[in-house]
Amino acid sequence: MEIFQVVIFCFSAVIILRLLRQEGYTGYAVLLSTVVGILVFLFVVNHLRTVLTALADLTAGAQVNFLFLDTLLKVVGIAYIAEFGSQVCKDANEEMVASKIEFAGKILILLLAIPIILLVLESIINFLP
């Protein structure tokens, strides 16, 4: 099972990170933490492609507007990237910057949701007499 590889890799990195922080090498610890996050992401990217292909096929088969799937994927991407960036900042003890990244992610997600909200409102108005 691939999750065991990921967990063992991350546990090993955590041990090294703790040692680096205890010795006062916080800069290297933040760098290593970021590299570990990127490596884990690259490890699962192939699986992500499989999921995206399956979702695109389901959307086409169900004859659903691609706008919904496209928006959903963008929202998930923004959420993951904002979370990753926020966690890196928190690792560097930069809580204020982390909170700004989280706030920006929420605003961008809201911005992406506007076309779908408008479609829903338009559908509701069309049902009303």
N, C-alpha and C. Protein backbone atom coordinates (compact mmCIF):
# COMPACT_ATOMS: atom_id res chain seq x y z
N MET A 1 0.84 -1.18 0.00
CA MET A 1 0.00 0.00 0.00
C MET A 1 0.89 1.24 0.00
N GLU A 2 0.57 2.13 -0.92
CA GLU A 2 1.40 3.32 -1.11
C GLU A 2 1.32 4.29 0.06
N ILE A 3 0.23 4.28 0.79
CA ILE A 3 0.10 5.22 1.91
C ILE A 3 1.16 4.93 2.97
N PHE A 4 1.54 3.66 3.12
CA PHE A 4 2.59 3.33 4.08
C PHE A 4 3.91 3.98 3.68
N GLN A 5 4.20 3.99 2.38
CA GLN A 5 5.43 4.65 1.91
C GLN A 5 5.40 6.14 2.24
N VAL A 6 4.27 6.76 2.01
CA VAL A 6 4.14 8.19 2.29
C VAL A 6 4.30 8.46 3.78
N VAL A 7 3.63 7.66 4.61
CA VAL A 7 3.67 7.87 6.06
C VAL A 7 5.09 7.64 6.60
N ILE A 8 5.74 6.58 6.16
CA ILE A 8 7.10 6.30 6.63
C ILE A 8 8.05 7.42 6.19
N PHE A 9 7.90 7.87 4.95
CA PHE A 9 8.72 8.99 4.46
C PHE A 9 8.50 10.23 5.32
N CYS A 10 7.23 10.54 5.60
CA CYS A 10 6.92 11.74 6.39
C CYS A 10 7.38 11.59 7.85
N PHE A 11 7.23 10.41 8.42
CA PHE A 11 7.72 10.19 9.80
C PHE A 11 9.23 10.39 9.87
N SER A 12 9.94 9.89 8.86
CA SER A 12 11.39 10.07 8.81
C SER A 12 11.73 11.56 8.73
N ALA A 13 10.98 12.28 7.90
CA ALA A 13 11.22 13.71 7.77
C ALA A 13 10.92 14.44 9.08
N VAL A 14 9.89 14.01 9.79
CA VAL A 14 9.54 14.65 11.07
C VAL A 14 10.67 14.47 12.08
N ILE A 15 11.25 13.30 12.11
CA ILE A 15 12.37 13.06 13.03
C ILE A 15 13.53 14.00 12.71
N ILE A 16 13.87 14.09 11.43
CA ILE A 16 14.95 14.99 11.02
C ILE A 16 14.58 16.45 11.32
N LEU A 17 13.32 16.81 11.08
CA LEU A 17 12.88 18.18 11.36
C LEU A 17 13.00 18.51 12.85
N ARG A 18 12.61 17.58 13.70
CA ARG A 18 12.72 17.82 15.15
C ARG A 18 14.19 18.02 15.55
N LEU A 19 15.06 17.19 14.99
CA LEU A 19 16.49 17.34 15.29
C LEU A 19 17.03 18.69 14.81
N LEU A 20 16.63 19.08 13.62
CA LEU A 20 17.09 20.37 13.09
C LEU A 20 16.60 21.53 13.96
N ARG A 21 15.35 21.47 14.39
CA ARG A 21 14.81 22.55 15.22
C ARG A 21 15.46 22.57 16.60
N GLN A 22 15.75 21.39 17.16
CA GLN A 22 16.40 21.34 18.47
C GLN A 22 17.81 21.95 18.41
N GLU A 23 18.47 21.77 17.28
CA GLU A 23 19.82 22.30 17.13
C GLU A 23 19.83 23.75 16.68
N GLY A 24 18.65 24.32 16.45
CA GLY A 24 18.56 25.73 16.08
C GLY A 24 18.60 26.01 14.59
N TYR A 25 18.50 24.99 13.77
CA TYR A 25 18.53 25.18 12.32
C TYR A 25 17.11 25.30 11.77
N THR A 26 16.38 26.31 12.22
CA THR A 26 14.98 26.44 11.82
C THR A 26 14.83 26.75 10.34
N GLY A 27 15.77 27.47 9.77
CA GLY A 27 15.71 27.77 8.34
C GLY A 27 15.77 26.50 7.50
N TYR A 28 16.68 25.62 7.87
CA TYR A 28 16.78 24.34 7.16
C TYR A 28 15.54 23.48 7.41
N ALA A 29 14.99 23.59 8.60
CA ALA A 29 13.79 22.81 8.92
C ALA A 29 12.62 23.26 8.05
N VAL A 30 12.45 24.55 7.88
CA VAL A 30 11.37 25.05 7.02
C VAL A 30 11.59 24.62 5.58
N LEU A 31 12.82 24.70 5.12
CA LEU A 31 13.15 24.28 3.76
C LEU A 31 12.87 22.78 3.57
N LEU A 32 13.30 21.97 4.52
CA LEU A 32 13.05 20.53 4.43
C LEU A 32 11.56 20.24 4.47
N SER A 33 10.83 20.92 5.31
CA SER A 33 9.39 20.73 5.40
C SER A 33 8.72 21.04 4.07
N THR A 34 9.13 22.11 3.42
CA THR A 34 8.58 22.48 2.12
C THR A 34 8.92 21.43 1.07
N VAL A 35 10.14 20.97 1.06
CA VAL A 35 10.56 19.95 0.09
C VAL A 35 9.78 18.65 0.30
N VAL A 36 9.58 18.27 1.55
CA VAL A 36 8.81 17.05 1.83
C VAL A 36 7.39 17.20 1.30
N GLY A 37 6.78 18.36 1.54
CA GLY A 37 5.43 18.60 1.03
C GLY A 37 5.36 18.50 -0.48
N ILE A 38 6.34 19.09 -1.16
CA ILE A 38 6.37 19.03 -2.62
C ILE A 38 6.57 17.60 -3.11
N LEU A 39 7.46 16.85 -2.46
CA LEU A 39 7.70 15.47 -2.86
C LEU A 39 6.47 14.59 -2.68
N VAL A 40 5.75 14.79 -1.59
CA VAL A 40 4.52 14.03 -1.37
C VAL A 40 3.49 14.38 -2.45
N PHE A 41 3.40 15.67 -2.77
CA PHE A 41 2.48 16.08 -3.83
C PHE A 41 2.85 15.43 -5.16
N LEU A 42 4.13 15.45 -5.51
CA LEU A 42 4.56 14.84 -6.76
C LEU A 42 4.31 13.34 -6.77
N PHE A 43 4.39 12.71 -5.60
CA PHE A 43 4.15 11.27 -5.50
C PHE A 43 2.70 10.94 -5.85
N VAL A 44 1.76 11.81 -5.48
CA VAL A 44 0.35 11.50 -5.71
C VAL A 44 -0.22 12.13 -6.99
N VAL A 45 0.59 12.89 -7.72
CA VAL A 45 0.10 13.57 -8.91
C VAL A 45 -0.46 12.58 -9.94
N ASN A 46 0.19 11.45 -10.15
CA ASN A 46 -0.32 10.48 -11.12
C ASN A 46 -1.69 9.97 -10.73
N HIS A 47 -1.91 9.78 -9.46
CA HIS A 47 -3.23 9.34 -9.00
C HIS A 47 -4.26 10.46 -9.19
N LEU A 48 -3.81 11.67 -9.05
CA LEU A 48 -4.70 12.81 -9.25
C LEU A 48 -5.16 12.88 -10.70
N ARG A 49 -4.26 12.58 -11.63
CA ARG A 49 -4.64 12.56 -13.04
C ARG A 49 -5.72 11.53 -13.30
N THR A 50 -5.62 10.38 -12.66
CA THR A 50 -6.62 9.34 -12.83
C THR A 50 -7.98 9.82 -12.32
N VAL A 51 -7.99 10.47 -11.19
CA VAL A 51 -9.23 11.00 -10.63
C VAL A 51 -9.83 12.06 -11.55
N LEU A 52 -9.00 12.96 -12.05
CA LEU A 52 -9.49 14.02 -12.92
C LEU A 52 -10.07 13.46 -14.21
N THR A 53 -9.42 12.46 -14.77
CA THR A 53 -9.93 11.82 -15.98
C THR A 53 -11.27 11.15 -15.72
N ALA A 54 -11.38 10.45 -14.60
CA ALA A 54 -12.64 9.80 -14.25
C ALA A 54 -13.76 10.83 -14.05
N LEU A 55 -13.45 11.92 -13.39
CA LEU A 55 -14.46 12.97 -13.18
C LEU A 55 -14.89 13.60 -14.50
N ALA A 56 -13.95 13.82 -15.39
CA ALA A 56 -14.28 14.39 -16.71
C ALA A 56 -15.16 13.43 -17.49
N ASP A 57 -14.87 12.14 -17.44
CA ASP A 57 -15.69 11.14 -18.12
C ASP A 57 -17.10 11.09 -17.54
N LEU A 58 -17.21 11.15 -16.21
CA LEU A 58 -18.52 11.15 -15.57
C LEU A 58 -19.33 12.39 -15.94
N THR A 59 -18.66 13.51 -16.00
CA THR A 59 -19.33 14.76 -16.36
C THR A 59 -19.85 14.69 -17.79
N ALA A 60 -19.04 14.18 -18.69
CA ALA A 60 -19.45 14.05 -20.08
C ALA A 60 -20.59 13.04 -20.21
N GLY A 61 -20.49 11.93 -19.50
CA GLY A 61 -21.53 10.90 -19.57
C GLY A 61 -22.86 11.35 -18.99
N ALA A 62 -22.82 12.16 -17.96
CA ALA A 62 -24.05 12.64 -17.33
C ALA A 62 -24.57 13.91 -18.01
N GLN A 63 -23.86 14.38 -19.00
CA GLN A 63 -24.21 15.59 -19.73
C GLN A 63 -24.41 16.79 -18.79
N VAL A 64 -23.50 16.90 -17.84
CA VAL A 64 -23.51 18.02 -16.91
C VAL A 64 -22.62 19.12 -17.47
N ASN A 65 -23.02 20.35 -17.23
CA ASN A 65 -22.24 21.50 -17.68
C ASN A 65 -20.82 21.39 -17.12
N PHE A 66 -19.83 21.48 -17.99
CA PHE A 66 -18.43 21.36 -17.56
C PHE A 66 -18.02 22.48 -16.62
N LEU A 67 -18.78 23.58 -16.62
CA LEU A 67 -18.50 24.70 -15.72
C LEU A 67 -18.47 24.23 -14.28
N PHE A 68 -19.39 23.32 -13.93
CA PHE A 68 -19.46 22.84 -12.55
C PHE A 68 -18.21 22.05 -12.16
N LEU A 69 -17.80 21.12 -13.01
CA LEU A 69 -16.61 20.32 -12.71
C LEU A 69 -15.36 21.20 -12.72
N ASP A 70 -15.26 22.08 -13.70
CA ASP A 70 -14.11 22.96 -13.79
C ASP A 70 -14.00 23.83 -12.53
N THR A 71 -15.11 24.39 -12.11
CA THR A 71 -15.12 25.23 -10.91
C THR A 71 -14.78 24.40 -9.67
N LEU A 72 -15.35 23.21 -9.57
CA LEU A 72 -15.07 22.35 -8.42
C LEU A 72 -13.59 22.01 -8.33
N LEU A 73 -12.98 21.69 -9.44
CA LEU A 73 -11.55 21.35 -9.45
C LEU A 73 -10.69 22.55 -9.10
N LYS A 74 -11.07 23.72 -9.58
CA LYS A 74 -10.33 24.93 -9.23
C LYS A 74 -10.45 25.23 -7.74
N VAL A 75 -11.64 25.04 -7.18
CA VAL A 75 -11.86 25.27 -5.75
C VAL A 75 -11.00 24.32 -4.93
N VAL A 76 -11.00 23.06 -5.30
CA VAL A 76 -10.19 22.07 -4.57
C VAL A 76 -8.71 22.42 -4.70
N GLY A 77 -8.27 22.82 -5.88
CA GLY A 77 -6.88 23.21 -6.08
C GLY A 77 -6.49 24.41 -5.22
N ILE A 78 -7.34 25.42 -5.20
CA ILE A 78 -7.06 26.60 -4.37
C ILE A 78 -7.00 26.21 -2.91
N ALA A 79 -7.94 25.37 -2.48
CA ALA A 79 -7.97 24.96 -1.07
C ALA A 79 -6.69 24.21 -0.69
N TYR A 80 -6.25 23.29 -1.53
CA TYR A 80 -5.03 22.54 -1.22
C TYR A 80 -3.79 23.43 -1.24
N ILE A 81 -3.69 24.30 -2.23
CA ILE A 81 -2.52 25.17 -2.31
C ILE A 81 -2.49 26.15 -1.15
N ALA A 82 -3.65 26.71 -0.81
CA ALA A 82 -3.70 27.64 0.32
C ALA A 82 -3.35 26.93 1.62
N GLU A 83 -3.85 25.72 1.79
CA GLU A 83 -3.53 24.96 3.01
C GLU A 83 -2.04 24.65 3.08
N PHE A 84 -1.46 24.24 1.96
CA PHE A 84 -0.03 23.95 1.93
C PHE A 84 0.78 25.19 2.26
N GLY A 85 0.47 26.30 1.61
CA GLY A 85 1.18 27.55 1.88
C GLY A 85 1.03 28.00 3.32
N SER A 86 -0.17 27.85 3.84
CA SER A 86 -0.43 28.23 5.23
C SER A 86 0.38 27.37 6.20
N GLN A 87 0.42 26.08 5.94
CA GLN A 87 1.17 25.18 6.82
C GLN A 87 2.68 25.47 6.78
N VAL A 88 3.19 25.81 5.61
CA VAL A 88 4.61 26.17 5.51
C VAL A 88 4.89 27.42 6.34
N CYS A 89 3.99 28.39 6.24
CA CYS A 89 4.17 29.62 7.03
C CYS A 89 4.06 29.33 8.53
N LYS A 90 3.16 28.46 8.91
CA LYS A 90 3.02 28.11 10.32
C LYS A 90 4.26 27.38 10.82
N ASP A 91 4.85 26.54 9.96
CA ASP A 91 6.10 25.87 10.32
C ASP A 91 7.21 26.88 10.58
N ALA A 92 7.16 28.00 9.87
CA ALA A 92 8.17 29.04 10.04
C ALA A 92 7.77 30.04 11.12
N ASN A 93 6.73 29.71 11.89
CA ASN A 93 6.21 30.56 12.97
C ASN A 93 5.75 31.92 12.46
N GLU A 94 5.18 31.93 11.28
CA GLU A 94 4.63 33.15 10.68
C GLU A 94 3.11 33.02 10.61
N GLU A 95 2.47 33.06 11.77
CA GLU A 95 1.03 32.86 11.87
C GLU A 95 0.24 33.92 11.11
N MET A 96 0.70 35.18 11.15
CA MET A 96 -0.02 36.25 10.47
C MET A 96 -0.03 36.04 8.95
N VAL A 97 1.11 35.66 8.40
CA VAL A 97 1.17 35.40 6.96
C VAL A 97 0.30 34.20 6.62
N ALA A 98 0.33 33.17 7.46
CA ALA A 98 -0.49 31.98 7.23
C ALA A 98 -1.97 32.34 7.19
N SER A 99 -2.40 33.19 8.11
CA SER A 99 -3.81 33.57 8.13
C SER A 99 -4.18 34.38 6.89
N LYS A 100 -3.26 35.17 6.37
CA LYS A 100 -3.54 35.94 5.15
C LYS A 100 -3.66 35.02 3.94
N ILE A 101 -2.85 33.98 3.89
CA ILE A 101 -2.97 33.00 2.80
C ILE A 101 -4.32 32.31 2.87
N GLU A 102 -4.74 31.91 4.07
CA GLU A 102 -6.03 31.27 4.23
C GLU A 102 -7.17 32.21 3.81
N PHE A 103 -7.07 33.47 4.20
CA PHE A 103 -8.09 34.46 3.84
C PHE A 103 -8.15 34.64 2.32
N ALA A 104 -6.99 34.76 1.68
CA ALA A 104 -6.94 34.92 0.23
C ALA A 104 -7.56 33.71 -0.46
N GLY A 105 -7.27 32.51 0.04
CA GLY A 105 -7.86 31.30 -0.54
C GLY A 105 -9.37 31.31 -0.44
N LYS A 106 -9.90 31.74 0.68
CA LYS A 106 -11.36 31.80 0.86
C LYS A 106 -12.00 32.81 -0.09
N ILE A 107 -11.36 33.95 -0.25
CA ILE A 107 -11.89 34.97 -1.16
C ILE A 107 -11.86 34.46 -2.61
N LEU A 108 -10.77 33.82 -3.00
CA LEU A 108 -10.67 33.29 -4.37
C LEU A 108 -11.70 32.19 -4.62
N ILE A 109 -11.96 31.37 -3.62
CA ILE A 109 -12.99 30.34 -3.75
C ILE A 109 -14.36 30.99 -3.91
N LEU A 110 -14.64 32.01 -3.12
CA LEU A 110 -15.90 32.72 -3.25
C LEU A 110 -16.04 33.34 -4.63
N LEU A 111 -14.97 33.91 -5.14
CA LEU A 111 -14.98 34.50 -6.47
C LEU A 111 -15.31 33.45 -7.54
N LEU A 112 -14.74 32.26 -7.40
CA LEU A 112 -15.03 31.19 -8.36
C LEU A 112 -16.47 30.70 -8.27
N ALA A 113 -17.07 30.83 -7.10
CA ALA A 113 -18.43 30.33 -6.90
C ALA A 113 -19.49 31.25 -7.49
N ILE A 114 -19.15 32.48 -7.80
CA ILE A 114 -20.14 33.45 -8.28
C ILE A 114 -20.89 32.97 -9.52
N PRO A 115 -20.23 32.44 -10.57
CA PRO A 115 -21.00 31.97 -11.73
C PRO A 115 -22.00 30.86 -11.38
N ILE A 116 -21.63 29.98 -10.50
CA ILE A 116 -22.55 28.90 -10.11
C ILE A 116 -23.71 29.46 -9.29
N ILE A 117 -23.42 30.39 -8.40
CA ILE A 117 -24.49 31.02 -7.62
C ILE A 117 -25.46 31.73 -8.55
N LEU A 118 -24.94 32.42 -9.56
CA LEU A 118 -25.81 33.11 -10.51
C LEU A 118 -26.66 32.12 -11.30
N LEU A 119 -26.10 30.99 -11.70
CA LEU A 119 -26.87 29.97 -12.41
C LEU A 119 -27.99 29.41 -11.54
N VAL A 120 -27.68 29.16 -10.27
CA VAL A 120 -28.70 28.65 -9.35
C VAL A 120 -29.81 29.68 -9.17
N LEU A 121 -29.44 30.93 -8.95
CA LEU A 121 -30.44 31.98 -8.79
C LEU A 121 -31.29 32.15 -10.06
N GLU A 122 -30.66 32.06 -11.21
CA GLU A 122 -31.39 32.15 -12.47
C GLU A 122 -32.37 31.00 -12.62
N SER A 123 -31.96 29.81 -12.22
CA SER A 123 -32.86 28.64 -12.29
C SER A 123 -34.04 28.82 -11.36
N ILE A 124 -33.80 29.35 -10.16
CA ILE A 124 -34.89 29.57 -9.20
C ILE A 124 -35.86 30.61 -9.76
N ILE A 125 -35.35 31.68 -10.34
CA ILE A 125 -36.21 32.71 -10.91
C ILE A 125 -37.05 32.16 -12.06
N ASN A 126 -36.46 31.27 -12.86
CA ASN A 126 -37.21 30.67 -13.97
C ASN A 126 -38.33 29.76 -13.49
N PHE A 127 -38.21 29.17 -12.32
CA PHE A 127 -39.26 28.31 -11.78
C PHE A 127 -40.42 29.10 -11.19
N LEU A 128 -40.14 30.31 -10.76
CA LEU A 128 -41.18 31.15 -10.15
C LEU A 128 -42.11 31.70 -11.22
N PRO A 129 -43.42 31.79 -10.89
CA PRO A 129 -44.37 32.32 -11.89
C PRO A 129 -44.24 33.81 -12.11
